[in-house]
C-alpha atoms as a PDB file:
ATOM      1  CA  UNK A   1       9.283 -14.842 -42.906  1.00  0.00           C
ATOM      2  CA  UNK A   2      11.473 -16.559 -40.935  1.00  0.00           C
ATOM      3  CA  UNK A   3      11.369 -17.585 -37.095  1.00  0.00           C
ATOM      4  CA  UNK A   4      13.986 -16.210 -36.447  1.00  0.00           C
ATOM      5  CA  UNK A   5      12.177 -12.550 -37.490  1.00  0.00           C
ATOM      6  CA  UNK A   6       8.876 -13.142 -36.234  1.00  0.00           C
ATOM      7  CA  UNK A   7      10.358 -13.785 -32.482  1.00  0.00           C
ATOM      8  CA  UNK A   8      12.766 -10.800 -33.200  1.00  0.00           C
ATOM      9  CA  UNK A   9       9.653  -8.937 -34.146  1.00  0.00           C
ATOM     10  CA  UNK A  10       7.511 -10.273 -31.378  1.00  0.00           C
ATOM     11  CA  UNK A  11       9.986  -8.694 -28.904  1.00  0.00           C
ATOM     12  CA  UNK A  12      10.314  -5.780 -29.917  1.00  0.00           C
ATOM     13  CA  UNK A  13       6.825  -4.988 -30.123  1.00  0.00           C
ATOM     14  CA  UNK A  14       6.571  -6.871 -26.089  1.00  0.00           C
ATOM     15  CA  UNK A  15       9.750  -4.195 -25.404  1.00  0.00           C
ATOM     16  CA  UNK A  16       7.746  -0.510 -26.364  1.00  0.00           C
ATOM     17  CA  UNK A  17       3.994  -2.363 -24.555  1.00  0.00           C
ATOM     18  CA  UNK A  18       5.441  -2.872 -21.653  1.00  0.00           C
ATOM     19  CA  UNK A  19       7.477   0.845 -22.298  1.00  0.00           C
ATOM     20  CA  UNK A  20       4.759   2.621 -22.148  1.00  0.00           C
ATOM     21  CA  UNK A  21       2.892   1.000 -19.871  1.00  0.00           C
ATOM     22  CA  UNK A  22       5.156   1.425 -17.331  1.00  0.00           C
ATOM     23  CA  UNK A  23       3.850   4.810 -16.244  1.00  0.00           C
ATOM     24  CA  UNK A  24       0.310   3.210 -16.202  1.00  0.00           C
ATOM     25  CA  UNK A  25       2.065   0.612 -13.404  1.00  0.00           C
ATOM     26  CA  UNK A  26       4.097   3.814 -11.741  1.00  0.00           C
ATOM     27  CA  UNK A  27       0.207   4.901 -11.393  1.00  0.00           C
ATOM     28  CA  UNK A  28      -1.037   1.685  -9.485  1.00  0.00           C
ATOM     29  CA  UNK A  29       1.704   1.445  -7.467  1.00  0.00           C
ATOM     30  CA  UNK A  30       0.586   3.136  -4.296  1.00  0.00           C
ATOM     31  CA  UNK A  31      -2.989   2.450  -4.348  1.00  0.00           C
ATOM     32  CA  UNK A  32      -1.777  -1.459  -4.739  1.00  0.00           C
ATOM     33  CA  UNK A  33       0.509  -1.259  -1.366  1.00  0.00           C
ATOM     34  CA  UNK A  34      -2.659   0.281   0.636  1.00  0.00           C
ATOM     35  CA  UNK A  35      -4.719  -2.531  -0.733  1.00  0.00           C
ATOM     36  CA  UNK A  36      -2.127  -5.477   0.375  1.00  0.00           C
ATOM     37  CA  UNK A  37      -1.544  -4.190   3.926  1.00  0.00           C
ATOM     38  CA  UNK A  38      -5.433  -3.744   4.175  1.00  0.00           C
ATOM     39  CA  UNK A  39      -5.166  -7.390   3.245  1.00  0.00           C
ATOM     40  CA  UNK A  40      -2.189  -8.331   5.468  1.00  0.00           C
ATOM     41  CA  UNK A  41      -4.130  -6.244   8.607  1.00  0.00           C
ATOM     42  CA  UNK A  42      -7.526  -6.221   9.044  1.00  0.00           C
ATOM     43  CA  UNK A  43      -8.134  -5.872  12.151  1.00  0.00           C
ATOM     44  CA  UNK A  44      -6.428  -2.941  12.744  1.00  0.00           C
ATOM     45  CA  UNK A  45      -8.268  -0.611  10.337  1.00  0.00           C
ATOM     46  CA  UNK A  46     -11.168  -2.560  11.260  1.00  0.00           C
ATOM     47  CA  UNK A  47     -10.217  -0.671  15.130  1.00  0.00           C
ATOM     48  CA  UNK A  48      -9.482   2.011  13.478  1.00  0.00           C
ATOM     49  CA  UNK A  49     -12.473   2.440  11.697  1.00  0.00           C
ATOM     50  CA  UNK A  50     -14.257   1.842  14.820  1.00  0.00           C
ATOM     51  CA  UNK A  51     -12.530   4.549  16.837  1.00  0.00           C
ATOM     52  CA  UNK A  52     -13.473   7.138  14.361  1.00  0.00           C
ATOM     53  CA  UNK A  53     -17.096   5.977  14.283  1.00  0.00           C
ATOM     54  CA  UNK A  54     -17.243   5.982  18.144  1.00  0.00           C
ATOM     55  CA  UNK A  55     -15.555   8.771  19.442  1.00  0.00           C
ATOM     56  CA  UNK A  56     -15.571  11.536  16.569  1.00  0.00           C
ATOM     57  CA  UNK A  57     -12.612  12.489  13.994  1.00  0.00           C
ATOM     58  CA  UNK A  58     -11.191  14.787  16.804  1.00  0.00           C
ATOM     59  CA  UNK A  59     -11.539  12.857  19.821  1.00  0.00           C
ATOM     60  CA  UNK A  60      -9.850   9.743  18.034  1.00  0.00           C
ATOM     61  CA  UNK A  61      -7.073  11.808  16.780  1.00  0.00           C
ATOM     62  CA  UNK A  62      -6.155  12.997  19.925  1.00  0.00           C
ATOM     63  CA  UNK A  63      -7.094   9.107  22.106  1.00  0.00           C
ATOM     64  CA  UNK A  64      -4.784   7.879  18.772  1.00  0.00           C
ATOM     65  CA  UNK A  65      -1.699  10.057  19.504  1.00  0.00           C
ATOM     66  CA  UNK A  66      -1.558   9.512  23.856  1.00  0.00           C
ATOM     67  CA  UNK A  67      -2.029   5.716  22.835  1.00  0.00           C
ATOM     68  CA  UNK A  68       1.097   5.783  20.910  1.00  0.00           C
ATOM     69  CA  UNK A  69       3.296   8.348  23.460  1.00  0.00           C
ATOM     70  CA  UNK A  70       1.567   5.673  26.107  1.00  0.00           C
ATOM     71  CA  UNK A  71       3.596   2.410  23.658  1.00  0.00           C
ATOM     72  CA  UNK A  72       6.768   4.675  23.070  1.00  0.00           C
ATOM     73  CA  UNK A  73       7.440   5.191  26.898  1.00  0.00           C
ATOM     74  CA  UNK A  74       6.710   1.406  27.979  1.00  0.00           C
ATOM     75  CA  UNK A  75       8.352   0.167  25.549  1.00  0.00           C
ATOM     76  CA  UNK A  76      11.697   2.059  26.077  1.00  0.00           C
ATOM     77  CA  UNK A  77      11.389   1.090  30.117  1.00  0.00           C
ATOM     78  CA  UNK A  78      11.033  -3.216  28.586  1.00  0.00           C
ATOM     79  CA  UNK A  79      14.136  -2.562  26.813  1.00  0.00           C
END
């Protein structure tokens, strides 16, 4: 075989591998984004987990909802 034939064959095989891996990449895309967010923002995530542990899920969600409403109100008053 000549070098050009080998290069063409290798390119076709590479394209086939990429095409067959595409569904796998789409499956892993969402967890990868979540992990990236966790790595970029560890403090807010730790605070949320701590709130869940200390307050319990129901009270933590209620408190977070009130805090978010207060934040939105203060933000509109500032603007």
